[in-house]
Every structure is written in structure tokens, then in C-alpha cells.
Amino acid sequence: MDLGGSDRMSMAWFMNWLNARRDLPMRSFLRDVFSDLVFSQHMRVALSRFDGSSQRLRFLLGDQGIEPTSSSGRAQR
């Protein structure tokens, strides 16, 4: 249950994360899911695969929160 820790989201880490948010309103809980789990995991994987030239990031933390990068093909124009 403890394998991985916060950088790999072990089951123990996830249960602690979940228990800490069980009384949050749904909107706040979903915000945390996307920022703490989805976005941060995306950043970890993309940065670990960065080879110095190929842009692998599809989202970044911008002025309006999490935003798509221009390489994602969905950036606001």
C-alpha cells in the first residue's frame, strides 16, 4: 500500500489524500482532482520524458489556471 509515495501516488497516499478532502464541496474536490492528480501527473511524466528538444507538455499553469499549450492544438488564439 505504501509503494510509490506521493510522486507515484501509492494507495496509502491516495487514501490519505482522499480522506483529507472528504468534507469538501464537490466543486473544490474536482478542482483538487484535476490540479493534484491529473495535472501534476501529466507534468511529472512529460518532464521526465523531456529530451531537450521535443515539447511534450500539452498543458501548463497559466494566468487563468491550467491551460493547453500551443503544441496541443487547442490553445486559445
C-alpha atoms as a PDB file:
ATOM      1  CA  MET A   1       0.000   0.000   0.000  1.00  0.00           C
ATOM      2  CA  ASP A   2       2.908   2.394   0.622  1.00  0.00           C
ATOM      3  CA  LEU A   3       4.812   1.741  -2.586  1.00  0.00           C
ATOM      4  CA  GLY A   4       5.376   4.817  -4.679  1.00  0.00           C
ATOM      5  CA  GLY A   5       4.740   7.655  -2.257  1.00  0.00           C
ATOM      6  CA  SER A   6       3.350  10.990  -3.424  1.00  0.00           C
ATOM      7  CA  ASP A   7       5.394  11.027  -6.639  1.00  0.00           C
ATOM      8  CA  ARG A   8       3.815   7.748  -7.763  1.00  0.00           C
ATOM      9  CA  MET A   9       0.500   8.011  -5.884  1.00  0.00           C
ATOM     10  CA  SER A  10       0.565   4.845  -3.803  1.00  0.00           C
ATOM     11  CA  MET A  11      -2.741   3.517  -2.494  1.00  0.00           C
ATOM     12  CA  ALA A  12      -1.843   4.712   1.030  1.00  0.00           C
ATOM     13  CA  TRP A  13      -1.012   8.182  -0.282  1.00  0.00           C
ATOM     14  CA  PHE A  14      -4.234   8.286  -2.299  1.00  0.00           C
ATOM     15  CA  MET A  15      -6.364   7.199   0.671  1.00  0.00           C
ATOM     16  CA  ASN A  16      -4.798   9.942   2.821  1.00  0.00           C
ATOM     17  CA  TRP A  17      -5.357  12.455   0.012  1.00  0.00           C
ATOM     18  CA  LEU A  18      -8.971  11.338  -0.360  1.00  0.00           C
ATOM     19  CA  ASN A  19      -9.692  11.366   3.392  1.00  0.00           C
ATOM     20  CA  ALA A  20      -8.311  14.894   3.690  1.00  0.00           C
ATOM     21  CA  ARG A  21     -10.910  16.061   1.139  1.00  0.00           C
ATOM     22  CA  ARG A  22     -13.988  14.067   2.117  1.00  0.00           C
ATOM     23  CA  ASP A  23     -15.779  17.122   3.537  1.00  0.00           C
ATOM     24  CA  LEU A  24     -15.053  19.450   0.634  1.00  0.00           C
ATOM     25  CA  PRO A  25     -17.813  20.684  -1.660  1.00  0.00           C
ATOM     26  CA  MET A  26     -17.863  18.779  -4.962  1.00  0.00           C
ATOM     27  CA  ARG A  27     -16.514  21.781  -6.912  1.00  0.00           C
ATOM     28  CA  SER A  28     -13.454  22.045  -4.641  1.00  0.00           C
ATOM     29  CA  PHE A  29     -12.925  18.291  -4.701  1.00  0.00           C
ATOM     30  CA  LEU A  30     -12.987  18.191  -8.510  1.00  0.00           C
ATOM     31  CA  ARG A  31     -10.598  21.167  -8.680  1.00  0.00           C
ATOM     32  CA  ASP A  32      -8.182  19.214  -6.458  1.00  0.00           C
ATOM     33  CA  VAL A  33      -8.579  16.070  -8.584  1.00  0.00           C
ATOM     34  CA  PHE A  34      -7.522  17.960 -11.701  1.00  0.00           C
ATOM     35  CA  SER A  35      -4.769  20.054 -10.110  1.00  0.00           C
ATOM     36  CA  ASP A  36      -3.318  17.496  -7.659  1.00  0.00           C
ATOM     37  CA  LEU A  37      -3.802  14.293  -9.616  1.00  0.00           C
ATOM     38  CA  VAL A  38      -4.317  14.818 -13.352  1.00  0.00           C
ATOM     39  CA  PHE A  39      -2.247  17.960 -13.993  1.00  0.00           C
ATOM     40  CA  SER A  40       0.613  17.133 -11.641  1.00  0.00           C
ATOM     41  CA  GLN A  41       0.894  13.584 -13.014  1.00  0.00           C
ATOM     42  CA  HIS A  42       0.912  14.994 -16.557  1.00  0.00           C
ATOM     43  CA  MET A  43       3.729  17.365 -15.592  1.00  0.00           C
ATOM     44  CA  ARG A  44       5.773  14.606 -13.938  1.00  0.00           C
ATOM     45  CA  VAL A  45       5.505  12.282 -16.919  1.00  0.00           C
ATOM     46  CA  ALA A  46       6.079  14.976 -19.558  1.00  0.00           C
ATOM     47  CA  LEU A  47       9.104  16.427 -17.757  1.00  0.00           C
ATOM     48  CA  SER A  48      10.618  13.004 -17.146  1.00  0.00           C
ATOM     49  CA  ARG A  49      10.386  12.302 -20.896  1.00  0.00           C
ATOM     50  CA  PHE A  50      11.799  15.674 -21.995  1.00  0.00           C
ATOM     51  CA  ASP A  51      14.773  15.050 -24.281  1.00  0.00           C
ATOM     52  CA  GLY A  52      15.912  18.666 -24.553  1.00  0.00           C
ATOM     53  CA  SER A  53      14.218  19.372 -27.862  1.00  0.00           C
ATOM     54  CA  SER A  54      10.757  17.790 -28.224  1.00  0.00           C
ATOM     55  CA  GLN A  55       7.967  19.640 -26.433  1.00  0.00           C
ATOM     56  CA  ARG A  56       5.846  17.046 -24.664  1.00  0.00           C
ATOM     57  CA  LEU A  57       3.852  19.358 -22.423  1.00  0.00           C
ATOM     58  CA  ARG A  58       0.254  19.713 -23.552  1.00  0.00           C
ATOM     59  CA  PHE A  59      -0.901  21.781 -20.564  1.00  0.00           C
ATOM     60  CA  LEU A  60       0.726  24.447 -18.422  1.00  0.00           C
ATOM     61  CA  LEU A  61      -0.136  26.569 -15.425  1.00  0.00           C
ATOM     62  CA  GLY A  62      -1.086  29.951 -16.870  1.00  0.00           C
ATOM     63  CA  ASP A  63      -2.795  33.141 -15.706  1.00  0.00           C
ATOM     64  CA  GLN A  64      -6.213  31.507 -15.972  1.00  0.00           C
ATOM     65  CA  GLY A  65      -5.226  28.229 -14.297  1.00  0.00           C
ATOM     66  CA  ILE A  66      -4.466  25.070 -16.262  1.00  0.00           C
ATOM     67  CA  GLU A  67      -4.294  25.946 -19.959  1.00  0.00           C
ATOM     68  CA  PRO A  68      -3.421  23.966 -23.110  1.00  0.00           C
ATOM     69  CA  THR A  69      -0.067  24.733 -24.751  1.00  0.00           C
ATOM     70  CA  SER A  70       0.209  25.794 -28.368  1.00  0.00           C
ATOM     71  CA  SER A  71       1.606  22.342 -29.209  1.00  0.00           C
ATOM     72  CA  SER A  72      -1.623  20.731 -28.024  1.00  0.00           C
ATOM     73  CA  GLY A  73      -3.521  22.235 -30.945  1.00  0.00           C
ATOM     74  CA  ARG A  74      -6.154  23.584 -28.555  1.00  0.00           C
ATOM     75  CA  ALA A  75      -4.528  26.766 -27.278  1.00  0.00           C
ATOM     76  CA  GLN A  76      -6.686  29.859 -27.241  1.00  0.00           C
ATOM     77  CA  ARG A  77      -5.894  32.264 -30.008  1.00  0.00           C
END
